[in-house]
Amino acid sequence: MSAATDDPGSGGPALEPGERTRARKRDQARTLALLVLAVLITLFAVLNTEKVSVNWIVGSGHAPLIIVIVISLLVGVILTHFAQRRASKRR
Protein backbone atom coordinates (compact mmCIF):
# COMPACT_ATOMS: atom_id res chain seq x y z
CA MET A 1 0.00 0.00 0.00
CA SER A 2 1.52 3.29 -1.01
CA ALA A 3 1.07 6.65 0.63
CA ALA A 4 -2.08 8.30 -0.64
CA THR A 5 -3.15 11.92 -0.50
CA ASP A 6 -6.33 13.04 1.17
CA ASP A 7 -9.42 13.11 -1.01
CA PRO A 8 -11.17 16.39 -0.18
CA GLY A 9 -14.65 15.08 -0.95
CA SER A 10 -14.55 11.89 1.11
CA GLY A 11 -13.26 13.16 4.42
CA GLY A 12 -10.53 10.51 4.49
CA PRO A 13 -7.50 9.29 2.59
CA ALA A 14 -7.87 8.60 -1.12
CA LEU A 15 -7.98 4.93 -2.07
CA GLU A 16 -5.94 3.32 -4.79
CA PRO A 17 -7.95 1.91 -7.74
CA GLY A 18 -7.79 -1.70 -6.46
CA GLU A 19 -8.80 -0.67 -2.95
CA ARG A 20 -11.63 1.45 -4.33
CA THR A 21 -13.00 -1.55 -6.26
CA ARG A 22 -12.81 -3.79 -3.18
CA ALA A 23 -14.49 -1.13 -1.04
CA ARG A 24 -17.27 -0.72 -3.61
CA LYS A 25 -17.83 -4.49 -3.81
CA ARG A 26 -17.85 -4.73 -0.01
CA ASP A 27 -20.42 -1.91 0.17
CA GLN A 28 -22.57 -3.59 -2.47
CA ALA A 29 -22.42 -6.92 -0.62
CA ARG A 30 -23.34 -5.20 2.65
CA THR A 31 -26.25 -3.42 0.97
CA LEU A 32 -27.49 -6.66 -0.58
CA ALA A 33 -27.24 -8.48 2.76
CA LEU A 34 -29.19 -5.71 4.51
CA LEU A 35 -31.84 -5.80 1.76
CA VAL A 36 -32.24 -9.58 2.12
CA LEU A 37 -32.45 -9.21 5.90
CA ALA A 38 -35.10 -6.48 5.57
CA VAL A 39 -37.17 -8.69 3.23
CA LEU A 40 -36.92 -11.64 5.64
CA ILE A 41 -37.93 -9.50 8.62
CA THR A 42 -40.87 -8.09 6.67
CA LEU A 43 -42.03 -11.58 5.67
CA PHE A 44 -41.65 -12.76 9.28
CA ALA A 45 -43.78 -9.84 10.49
CA VAL A 46 -46.47 -10.36 7.85
CA LEU A 47 -46.71 -14.08 8.58
CA ASN A 48 -47.04 -13.60 12.36
CA THR A 49 -49.99 -11.24 12.68
CA GLU A 50 -52.49 -13.54 14.43
CA LYS A 51 -53.63 -12.51 17.89
CA VAL A 52 -52.24 -14.44 20.85
CA SER A 53 -53.14 -14.42 24.50
CA VAL A 54 -50.52 -12.79 26.72
CA ASN A 55 -50.63 -13.59 30.45
CA TRP A 56 -49.12 -10.92 32.70
CA ILE A 57 -48.51 -11.14 36.43
CA VAL A 58 -51.58 -9.00 37.13
CA GLY A 59 -53.84 -9.95 34.22
CA SER A 60 -53.91 -10.97 30.60
CA GLY A 61 -54.56 -9.51 27.19
CA HIS A 62 -54.34 -10.13 23.48
CA ALA A 63 -51.70 -8.85 21.08
CA PRO A 64 -50.38 -9.72 17.61
CA LEU A 65 -47.69 -12.41 17.78
CA ILE A 66 -45.12 -10.20 16.03
CA ILE A 67 -45.51 -7.54 18.76
CA VAL A 68 -44.92 -10.16 21.46
CA ILE A 69 -41.83 -11.44 19.61
CA VAL A 70 -40.39 -7.94 19.06
CA ILE A 71 -40.96 -6.89 22.68
CA SER A 72 -39.30 -10.12 23.87
CA LEU A 73 -36.36 -9.45 21.55
CA LEU A 74 -35.97 -5.88 22.83
CA VAL A 75 -36.11 -6.99 26.47
CA GLY A 76 -33.42 -9.58 25.72
CA VAL A 77 -31.20 -7.01 23.99
CA ILE A 78 -31.57 -4.54 26.87
CA LEU A 79 -30.84 -7.18 29.53
CA THR A 80 -27.80 -8.39 27.58
CA HIS A 81 -26.52 -4.82 27.26
CA PHE A 82 -26.76 -4.19 30.99
CA ALA A 83 -25.25 -7.58 31.86
CA GLN A 84 -22.25 -6.86 29.59
CA ARG A 85 -21.81 -3.38 31.10
CA ARG A 86 -21.89 -4.85 34.60
CA ALA A 87 -19.37 -7.58 33.67
CA SER A 88 -17.01 -5.06 32.07
CA LYS A 89 -17.09 -2.86 35.20
CA ARG A 90 -15.92 -5.83 37.30
CA ARG A 91 -12.78 -6.28 35.23
PDB file of N, CA and C in Angstrom:
ATOM      1  N   MET A   1       0.842  -1.163   0.000  1.00  0.00           N
ATOM      2  CA  MET A   1       0.000   0.000   0.000  1.00  0.00           C
ATOM      3  C   MET A   1       0.890   1.229   0.000  1.00  0.00           C
ATOM      4  N   SER A   2       0.692   2.094  -0.924  1.00  0.00           N
ATOM      5  CA  SER A   2       1.521   3.291  -1.013  1.00  0.00           C
ATOM      6  C   SER A   2       0.844   4.441  -0.280  1.00  0.00           C
ATOM      7  N   ALA A   3       1.622   5.475  -0.027  1.00  0.00           N
ATOM      8  CA  ALA A   3       1.073   6.648   0.631  1.00  0.00           C
ATOM      9  C   ALA A   3       0.110   7.329  -0.323  1.00  0.00           C
ATOM     10  N   ALA A   4      -1.071   7.664   0.188  1.00  0.00           N
ATOM     11  CA  ALA A   4      -2.079   8.304  -0.642  1.00  0.00           C
ATOM     12  C   ALA A   4      -2.378   9.684  -0.080  1.00  0.00           C
ATOM     13  N   THR A   5      -2.789  10.576  -0.942  1.00  0.00           N
ATOM     14  CA  THR A   5      -3.148  11.918  -0.498  1.00  0.00           C
ATOM     15  C   THR A   5      -4.591  11.925  -0.062  1.00  0.00           C
ATOM     16  N   ASP A   6      -4.953  12.930   0.712  1.00  0.00           N
ATOM     17  CA  ASP A   6      -6.334  13.041   1.168  1.00  0.00           C
ATOM     18  C   ASP A   6      -7.240  13.438   0.016  1.00  0.00           C
ATOM     19  N   ASP A   7      -8.403  12.792  -0.027  1.00  0.00           N
ATOM     20  CA  ASP A   7      -9.423  13.115  -1.010  1.00  0.00           C
ATOM     21  C   ASP A   7     -10.344  14.132  -0.358  1.00  0.00           C
ATOM     22  N   PRO A   8     -10.406  15.364  -0.864  1.00  0.00           N
ATOM     23  CA  PRO A   8     -11.168  16.390  -0.177  1.00  0.00           C
ATOM     24  C   PRO A   8     -12.660  16.098  -0.079  1.00  0.00           C
ATOM     25  N   GLY A   9     -13.215  15.332  -0.977  1.00  0.00           N
ATOM     26  CA  GLY A   9     -14.648  15.077  -0.952  1.00  0.00           C
ATOM     27  C   GLY A   9     -15.060  13.958  -0.020  1.00  0.00           C
ATOM     28  N   SER A  10     -14.158  13.061   0.328  1.00  0.00           N
ATOM     29  CA  SER A  10     -14.549  11.888   1.107  1.00  0.00           C
ATOM     30  C   SER A  10     -14.328  12.049   2.603  1.00  0.00           C
ATOM     31  N   GLY A  11     -13.531  12.978   3.005  1.00  0.00           N
ATOM     32  CA  GLY A  11     -13.258  13.156   4.418  1.00  0.00           C
ATOM     33  C   GLY A  11     -12.210  12.194   4.941  1.00  0.00           C
ATOM     34  N   GLY A  12     -11.543  11.469   4.080  1.00  0.00           N
ATOM     35  CA  GLY A  12     -10.528  10.510   4.492  1.00  0.00           C
ATOM     36  C   GLY A  12      -9.484  10.380   3.412  1.00  0.00           C
ATOM     37  N   PRO A  13      -8.542   9.462   3.593  1.00  0.00           N
ATOM     38  CA  PRO A  13      -7.495   9.295   2.587  1.00  0.00           C
ATOM     39  C   PRO A  13      -8.063   8.723   1.293  1.00  0.00           C
ATOM     40  N   ALA A  14      -7.454   9.113   0.184  1.00  0.00           N
ATOM     41  CA  ALA A  14      -7.873   8.597  -1.117  1.00  0.00           C
ATOM     42  C   ALA A  14      -7.454   7.140  -1.233  1.00  0.00           C
ATOM     43  N   LEU A  15      -8.273   6.343  -1.893  1.00  0.00           N
ATOM     44  CA  LEU A  15      -7.985   4.934  -2.068  1.00  0.00           C
ATOM     45  C   LEU A  15      -7.382   4.696  -3.441  1.00  0.00           C
ATOM     46  N   GLU A  16      -6.499   3.714  -3.512  1.00  0.00           N
ATOM     47  CA  GLU A  16      -5.943   3.322  -4.792  1.00  0.00           C
ATOM     48  C   GLU A  16      -7.035   2.612  -5.584  1.00  0.00           C
ATOM     49  N   PRO A  17      -6.892   2.511  -6.920  1.00  0.00           N
ATOM     50  CA  PRO A  17      -7.953   1.910  -7.737  1.00  0.00           C
ATOM     51  C   PRO A  17      -8.378   0.516  -7.280  1.00  0.00           C
ATOM     52  N   GLY A  18      -7.441  -0.355  -6.925  1.00  0.00           N
ATOM     53  CA  GLY A  18      -7.794  -1.700  -6.462  1.00  0.00           C
ATOM     54  C   GLY A  18      -8.545  -1.672  -5.145  1.00  0.00           C
ATOM     55  N   GLU A  19      -8.124  -0.792  -4.249  1.00  0.00           N
ATOM     56  CA  GLU A  19      -8.797  -0.665  -2.955  1.00  0.00           C
ATOM     57  C   GLU A  19     -10.197  -0.093  -3.141  1.00  0.00           C
ATOM     58  N   ARG A  20     -10.336   0.841  -4.072  1.00  0.00           N
ATOM     59  CA  ARG A  20     -11.634   1.450  -4.334  1.00  0.00           C
ATOM     60  C   ARG A  20     -12.621   0.394  -4.843  1.00  0.00           C
ATOM     61  N   THR A  21     -12.144  -0.485  -5.724  1.00  0.00           N
ATOM     62  CA  THR A  21     -12.997  -1.547  -6.259  1.00  0.00           C
ATOM     63  C   THR A  21     -13.415  -2.506  -5.155  1.00  0.00           C
ATOM     64  N   ARG A  22     -12.476  -2.896  -4.287  1.00  0.00           N
ATOM     65  CA  ARG A  22     -12.807  -3.788  -3.180  1.00  0.00           C
ATOM     66  C   ARG A  22     -13.795  -3.125  -2.229  1.00  0.00           C
ATOM     67  N   ALA A  23     -13.591  -1.849  -1.944  1.00  0.00           N
ATOM     68  CA  ALA A  23     -14.485  -1.134  -1.038  1.00  0.00           C
ATOM     69  C   ALA A  23     -15.882  -1.047  -1.648  1.00  0.00           C
ATOM     70  N   ARG A  24     -15.971  -0.806  -2.938  1.00  0.00           N
ATOM     71  CA  ARG A  24     -17.265  -0.718  -3.610  1.00  0.00           C
ATOM     72  C   ARG A  24     -17.974  -2.077  -3.571  1.00  0.00           C
ATOM     73  N   LYS A  25     -17.234  -3.156  -3.843  1.00  0.00           N
ATOM     74  CA  LYS A  25     -17.830  -4.493  -3.808  1.00  0.00           C
ATOM     75  C   LYS A  25     -18.285  -4.841  -2.393  1.00  0.00           C
ATOM     76  N   ARG A  26     -17.492  -4.464  -1.404  1.00  0.00           N
ATOM     77  CA  ARG A  26     -17.845  -4.727  -0.008  1.00  0.00           C
ATOM     78  C   ARG A  26     -19.127  -3.956   0.354  1.00  0.00           C
ATOM     79  N   ASP A  27     -19.221  -2.697  -0.093  1.00  0.00           N
ATOM     80  CA  ASP A  27     -20.422  -1.907   0.175  1.00  0.00           C
ATOM     81  C   ASP A  27     -21.641  -2.497  -0.523  1.00  0.00           C
ATOM     82  N   GLN A  28     -21.467  -2.976  -1.748  1.00  0.00           N
ATOM     83  CA  GLN A  28     -22.573  -3.595  -2.474  1.00  0.00           C
ATOM     84  C   GLN A  28     -23.023  -4.879  -1.784  1.00  0.00           C
ATOM     85  N   ALA A  29     -22.077  -5.682  -1.321  1.00  0.00           N
ATOM     86  CA  ALA A  29     -22.416  -6.923  -0.618  1.00  0.00           C
ATOM     87  C   ALA A  29     -23.145  -6.609   0.686  1.00  0.00           C
ATOM     88  N   ARG A  30     -22.694  -5.593   1.402  1.00  0.00           N
ATOM     89  CA  ARG A  30     -23.341  -5.197   2.652  1.00  0.00           C
ATOM     90  C   ARG A  30     -24.769  -4.704   2.383  1.00  0.00           C
ATOM     91  N   THR A  31     -24.928  -3.919   1.330  1.00  0.00           N
ATOM     92  CA  THR A  31     -26.251  -3.418   0.971  1.00  0.00           C
ATOM     93  C   THR A  31     -27.182  -4.562   0.591  1.00  0.00           C
ATOM     94  N   LEU A  32     -26.689  -5.503  -0.187  1.00  0.00           N
ATOM     95  CA  LEU A  32     -27.490  -6.657  -0.583  1.00  0.00           C
ATOM     96  C   LEU A  32     -27.884  -7.492   0.637  1.00  0.00           C
ATOM     97  N   ALA A  33     -26.945  -7.706   1.550  1.00  0.00           N
ATOM     98  CA  ALA A  33     -27.236  -8.478   2.758  1.00  0.00           C
ATOM     99  C   ALA A  33     -28.297  -7.774   3.607  1.00  0.00           C
ATOM    100  N   LEU A  34     -28.201  -6.459   3.739  1.00  0.00           N
ATOM    101  CA  LEU A  34     -29.193  -5.711   4.507  1.00  0.00           C
ATOM    102  C   LEU A  34     -30.560  -5.749   3.834  1.00  0.00           C
ATOM    103  N   LEU A  35     -30.583  -5.715   2.507  1.00  0.00           N
ATOM    104  CA  LEU A  35     -31.836  -5.800   1.762  1.00  0.00           C
ATOM    105  C   LEU A  35     -32.497  -7.163   1.968  1.00  0.00           C
ATOM    106  N   VAL A  36     -31.711  -8.233   1.893  1.00  0.00           N
ATOM    107  CA  VAL A  36     -32.241  -9.576   2.118  1.00  0.00           C
ATOM    108  C   VAL A  36     -32.761  -9.695   3.547  1.00  0.00           C
ATOM    109  N   LEU A  37     -32.017  -9.173   4.511  1.00  0.00           N
ATOM    110  CA  LEU A  37     -32.452  -9.207   5.905  1.00  0.00           C
ATOM    111  C   LEU A  37     -33.758  -8.434   6.094  1.00  0.00           C
ATOM    112  N   ALA A  38     -33.875  -7.277   5.463  1.00  0.00           N
ATOM    113  CA  ALA A  38     -35.100  -6.480   5.567  1.00  0.00           C
ATOM    114  C   ALA A  38     -36.293  -7.225   4.978  1.00  0.00           C
ATOM    115  N   VAL A  39     -36.095  -7.907   3.850  1.00  0.00           N
ATOM    116  CA  VAL A  39     -37.172  -8.686   3.234  1.00  0.00           C
ATOM    117  C   VAL A  39     -37.585  -9.832   4.156  1.00  0.00           C
ATOM    118  N   LEU A  40     -36.605 -10.537   4.736  1.00  0.00           N
ATOM    119  CA  LEU A  40     -36.923 -11.644   5.638  1.00  0.00           C
ATOM    120  C   LEU A  40     -37.666 -11.169   6.884  1.00  0.00           C
ATOM    121  N   ILE A  41     -37.252 -10.047   7.440  1.00  0.00           N
ATOM    122  CA  ILE A  41     -37.928  -9.501   8.621  1.00  0.00           C
ATOM    123  C   ILE A  41     -39.351  -9.092   8.272  1.00  0.00           C
ATOM    124  N   THR A  42     -39.529  -8.490   7.105  1.00  0.00           N
ATOM    125  CA  THR A  42     -40.865  -8.090   6.671  1.00  0.00           C
ATOM    126  C   THR A  42     -41.768  -9.314   6.488  1.00  0.00           C
ATOM    127  N   LEU A  43     -41.260 -10.349   5.836  1.00  0.00           N
ATOM    128  CA  LEU A  43     -42.034 -11.582   5.670  1.00  0.00           C
ATOM    129  C   LEU A  43     -42.383 -12.196   7.021  1.00  0.00           C
ATOM    130  N   PHE A  44     -41.430 -12.220   7.932  1.00  0.00           N
ATOM    131  CA  PHE A  44     -41.653 -12.756   9.276  1.00  0.00           C
ATOM    132  C   PHE A  44     -42.776 -11.992   9.966  1.00  0.00           C
ATOM    133  N   ALA A  45     -42.757 -10.673   9.853  1.00  0.00           N
ATOM    134  CA  ALA A  45     -43.780  -9.844  10.489  1.00  0.00           C
ATOM    135  C   ALA A  45     -45.149 -10.081   9.860  1.00  0.00           C
ATOM    136  N   VAL A  46     -45.195 -10.174   8.543  1.00  0.00           N
ATOM    137  CA  VAL A  46     -46.469 -10.362   7.849  1.00  0.00           C
ATOM    138  C   VAL A  46     -47.070 -11.730   8.166  1.00  0.00           C
ATOM    139  N   LEU A  47     -46.219 -12.737   8.328  1.00  0.00           N
ATOM    140  CA  LEU A  47     -46.714 -14.082   8.578  1.00  0.00           C
ATOM    141  C   LEU A  47     -47.082 -14.338  10.042  1.00  0.00           C
ATOM    142  N   ASN A  48     -46.766 -13.415  10.935  1.00  0.00           N
ATOM    143  CA  ASN A  48     -47.036 -13.599  12.365  1.00  0.00           C
ATOM    144  C   ASN A  48     -47.947 -12.504  12.904  1.00  0.00           C
ATOM    145  N   THR A  49     -49.088 -12.306  12.253  1.00  0.00           N
ATOM    146  CA  THR A  49     -49.989 -11.238  12.680  1.00  0.00           C
ATOM    147  C   THR A  49     -51.169 -11.728  13.513  1.00  0.00           C
ATOM    148  N   GLU A  50     -51.338 -13.049  13.674  1.00  0.00           N
ATOM    149  CA  GLU A  50     -52.493 -13.537  14.426  1.00  0.00           C
ATOM    150  C   GLU A  50     -52.395 -13.108  15.893  1.00  0.00           C
ATOM    151  N   LYS A  51     -53.567 -12.935  16.482  1.00  0.00           N
ATOM    152  CA  LYS A  51     -53.630 -12.515  17.887  1.00  0.00           C
ATOM    153  C   LYS A  51     -53.321 -13.702  18.792  1.00  0.00           C
ATOM    154  N   VAL A  52     -52.557 -13.415  19.851  1.00  0.00           N
ATOM    155  CA  VAL A  52     -52.239 -14.438  20.846  1.00  0.00           C
ATOM    156  C   VAL A  52     -52.598 -13.889  22.220  1.00  0.00           C
ATOM    157  N   SER A  53     -52.848 -14.797  23.129  1.00  0.00           N
ATOM    158  CA  SER A  53     -53.145 -14.417  24.504  1.00  0.00           C
ATOM    159  C   SER A  53     -51.824 -14.215  25.243  1.00  0.00           C
ATOM    160  N   VAL A  54     -51.722 -13.100  25.953  1.00  0.00           N
ATOM    161  CA  VAL A  54     -50.516 -12.791  26.723  1.00  0.00           C
ATOM    162  C   VAL A  54     -50.917 -12.713  28.188  1.00  0.00           C
ATOM    163  N   ASN A  55     -50.324 -13.571  29.028  1.00  0.00           N
ATOM    164  CA  ASN A  55     -50.628 -13.590  30.454  1.00  0.00           C
ATOM    165  C   ASN A  55     -49.567 -12.802  31.216  1.00  0.00           C
ATOM    166  N   TRP A  56     -50.001 -11.750  31.884  1.00  0.00           N
ATOM    167  CA  TRP A  56     -49.121 -10.921  32.698  1.00  0.00           C
ATOM    168  C   TRP A  56     -49.243 -11.376  34.144  1.00  0.00           C
ATOM    169  N   ILE A  57     -48.442 -10.811  35.003  1.00  0.00           N
ATOM    170  CA  ILE A  57     -48.507 -11.144  36.430  1.00  0.00           C
ATOM    171  C   ILE A  57     -49.849 -10.702  37.025  1.00  0.00           C
ATOM    172  N   VAL A  58     -50.347  -9.562  36.566  1.00  0.00           N
ATOM    173  CA  VAL A  58     -51.582  -9.003  37.126  1.00  0.00           C
ATOM    174  C   VAL A  58     -52.736  -9.013  36.130  1.00  0.00           C
ATOM    175  N   GLY A  59     -52.745  -9.892  35.169  1.00  0.00           N
ATOM    176  CA  GLY A  59     -53.845  -9.947  34.217  1.00  0.00           C
ATOM    177  C   GLY A  59     -53.408 -10.592  32.914  1.00  0.00           C
ATOM    178  N   SER A  60     -54.241 -10.428  31.906  1.00  0.00           N
ATOM    179  CA  SER A  60     -53.910 -10.970  30.595  1.00  0.00           C
ATOM    180  C   SER A  60     -54.495 -10.071  29.524  1.00  0.00           C
ATOM    181  N   GLY A  61     -54.068 -10.298  28.305  1.00  0.00           N
ATOM    182  CA  GLY A  61     -54.555  -9.507  27.192  1.00  0.00           C
ATOM    183  C   GLY A  61     -54.265 -10.226  25.895  1.00  0.00           C
ATOM    184  N   HIS A  62     -54.581  -9.568  24.802  1.00  0.00           N
ATOM    185  CA  HIS A  62     -54.339 -10.130  23.475  1.00  0.00           C
ATOM    186  C   HIS A  62     -53.495  -9.146  22.675  1.00  0.00           C
ATOM    187  N   ALA A  63     -52.565  -9.681  21.902  1.00  0.00           N
ATOM    188  CA  ALA A  63     -51.695  -8.850  21.075  1.00  0.00           C
ATOM    189  C   ALA A  63     -51.255  -9.663  19.856  1.00  0.00           C
ATOM    190  N   PRO A  64     -50.910  -8.987  18.764  1.00  0.00           N
ATOM    191  CA  PRO A  64     -50.377  -9.720  17.611  1.00  0.00           C
ATOM    192  C   PRO A  64     -49.068 -10.424  17.992  1.00  0.00           C
ATOM    193  N   LEU A  65     -48.873 -11.612  17.457  1.00  0.00           N
ATOM    194  CA  LEU A  65     -47.688 -12.410  17.785  1.00  0.00           C
ATOM    195  C   LEU A  65     -46.396 -11.656  17.484  1.00  0.00           C
ATOM    196  N   ILE A  66     -46.340 -10.913  16.386  1.00  0.00           N
ATOM    197  CA  ILE A  66     -45.116 -10.196  16.032  1.00  0.00           C
ATOM    198  C   ILE A  66     -44.755  -9.160  17.099  1.00  0.00           C
ATOM    199  N   ILE A  67     -45.771  -8.524  17.694  1.00  0.00           N
ATOM    200  CA  ILE A  67     -45.506  -7.544  18.758  1.00  0.00           C
ATOM    201  C   ILE A  67     -44.908  -8.243  19.970  1.00  0.00           C
ATOM    202  N   VAL A  68     -45.452  -9.397  20.322  1.00  0.00           N
ATOM    203  CA  VAL A  68     -44.921 -10.163  21.463  1.00  0.00           C
ATOM    204  C   VAL A  68     -43.473 -10.573  21.195  1.00  0.00           C
ATOM    205  N   ILE A  69     -43.191 -11.020  19.966  1.00  0.00           N
ATOM    206  CA  ILE A  69     -41.832 -11.438  19.609  1.00  0.00           C
ATOM    207  C   ILE A  69     -40.868 -10.253  19.658  1.00  0.00           C
ATOM    208  N   VAL A  70     -41.272  -9.119  19.095  1.00  0.00           N
ATOM    209  CA  VAL A  70     -40.392  -7.938  19.058  1.00  0.00           C
ATOM    210  C   VAL A  70     -40.132  -7.414  20.469  1.00  0.00           C
ATOM    211  N   ILE A  71     -41.164  -7.363  21.299  1.00  0.00           N
ATOM    212  CA  ILE A  71     -40.958  -6.893  22.680  1.00  0.00           C
ATOM    213  C   ILE A  71     -40.025  -7.844  23.428  1.00  0.00           C
ATOM    214  N   SER A  72     -40.191  -9.148  23.231  1.00  0.00           N
ATOM    215  CA  SER A  72     -39.297 -10.117  23.868  1.00  0.00           C
ATOM    216  C   SER A  72     -37.859  -9.930  23.396  1.00  0.00           C
ATOM    217  N   LEU A  73     -37.691  -9.697  22.104  1.00  0.00           N
ATOM    218  CA  LEU A  73     -36.357  -9.446  21.553  1.00  0.00           C
ATOM    219  C   LEU A  73     -35.728  -8.202  22.173  1.00  0.00           C
ATOM    220  N   LEU A  74     -36.499  -7.126  22.257  1.00  0.00           N
ATOM    221  CA  LEU A  74     -35.972  -5.885  22.826  1.00  0.00           C
ATOM    222  C   LEU A  74     -35.606  -6.043  24.298  1.00  0.00           C
ATOM    223  N   VAL A  75     -36.424  -6.745  25.056  1.00  0.00           N
ATOM    224  CA  VAL A  75     -36.109  -6.990  26.471  1.00  0.00           C
ATOM    225  C   VAL A  75     -34.805  -7.790  26.577  1.00  0.00           C
ATOM    226  N   GLY A  76     -34.645  -8.792  25.721  1.00  0.00           N
ATOM    227  CA  GLY A  76     -33.416  -9.582  25.722  1.00  0.00           C
ATOM    228  C   GLY A  76     -32.191  -8.756  25.379  1.00  0.00           C
ATOM    229  N   VAL A  77     -32.318  -7.874  24.383  1.00  0.00           N
ATOM    230  CA  VAL A  77     -31.197  -7.014  23.988  1.00  0.00           C
ATOM    231  C   VAL A  77     -30.827  -6.068  25.124  1.00  0.00           C
ATOM    232  N   ILE A  78     -31.833  -5.483  25.767  1.00  0.00           N
ATOM    233  CA  ILE A  78     -31.572  -4.541  26.868  1.00  0.00           C
ATOM    234  C   ILE A  78     -30.921  -5.259  28.054  1.00  0.00           C
ATOM    235  N   LEU A  79     -31.440  -6.430  28.414  1.00  0.00           N
ATOM    236  CA  LEU A  79     -30.841  -7.179  29.533  1.00  0.00           C
ATOM    237  C   LEU A  79     -29.410  -7.608  29.224  1.00  0.00           C
ATOM    238  N   THR A  80     -29.159  -8.015  27.979  1.00  0.00           N
ATOM    239  CA  THR A  80     -27.801  -8.390  27.582  1.00  0.00           C
ATOM    240  C   THR A  80     -26.863  -7.194  27.664  1.00  0.00           C
ATOM    241  N   HIS A  81     -27.334  -6.040  27.206  1.00  0.00           N
ATOM    242  CA  HIS A  81     -26.518  -4.818  27.260  1.00  0.00           C
ATOM    243  C   HIS A  81     -26.109  -4.500  28.698  1.00  0.00           C
ATOM    244  N   PHE A  82     -27.086  -4.514  29.604  1.00  0.00           N
ATOM    245  CA  PHE A  82     -26.764  -4.185  30.994  1.00  0.00           C
ATOM    246  C   PHE A  82     -25.890  -5.253  31.650  1.00  0.00           C
ATOM    247  N   ALA A  83     -26.090  -6.515  31.299  1.00  0.00           N
ATOM    248  CA  ALA A  83     -25.252  -7.580  31.860  1.00  0.00           C
ATOM    249  C   ALA A  83     -23.807  -7.421  31.375  1.00  0.00           C
ATOM    250  N   GLN A  84     -23.609  -7.070  30.102  1.00  0.00           N
ATOM    251  CA  GLN A  84     -22.253  -6.863  29.589  1.00  0.00           C
ATOM    252  C   GLN A  84     -21.610  -5.649  30.229  1.00  0.00           C
ATOM    253  N   ARG A  85     -22.364  -4.573  30.434  1.00  0.00           N
ATOM    254  CA  ARG A  85     -21.810  -3.382  31.104  1.00  0.00           C
ATOM    255  C   ARG A  85     -21.375  -3.720  32.519  1.00  0.00           C
ATOM    256  N   ARG A  86     -22.212  -4.482  33.214  1.00  0.00           N
ATOM    257  CA  ARG A  86     -21.891  -4.849  34.596  1.00  0.00           C
ATOM    258  C   ARG A  86     -20.657  -5.735  34.652  1.00  0.00           C
ATOM    259  N   ALA A  87     -20.537  -6.685  33.709  1.00  0.00           N
ATOM    260  CA  ALA A  87     -19.373  -7.580  33.671  1.00  0.00           C
ATOM    261  C   ALA A  87     -18.107  -6.812  33.326  1.00  0.00           C
ATOM    262  N   SER A  88     -18.210  -5.816  32.440  1.00  0.00           N
ATOM    263  CA  SER A  88     -17.011  -5.062  32.071  1.00  0.00           C
ATOM    264  C   SER A  88     -16.552  -4.146  33.199  1.00  0.00           C
ATOM    265  N   LYS A  89     -17.461  -3.701  34.056  1.00  0.00           N
ATOM    266  CA  LYS A  89     -17.088  -2.859  35.204  1.00  0.00           C
ATOM    267  C   LYS A  89     -16.324  -3.675  36.255  1.00  0.00           C
ATOM    268  N   ARG A  90     -16.590  -4.970  36.324  1.00  0.00           N
ATOM    269  CA  ARG A  90     -15.925  -5.829  37.304  1.00  0.00           C
ATOM    270  C   ARG A  90     -14.479  -6.104  36.928  1.00  0.00           C
ATOM    271  N   ARG A  91     -14.141  -5.971  35.672  1.00  0.00           N
ATOM    272  CA  ARG A  91     -12.779  -6.276  35.231  1.00  0.00           C
ATOM    273  C   ARG A  91     -11.819  -5.209  35.564  1.00  0.00           C
TER     274      ARG A  91
END
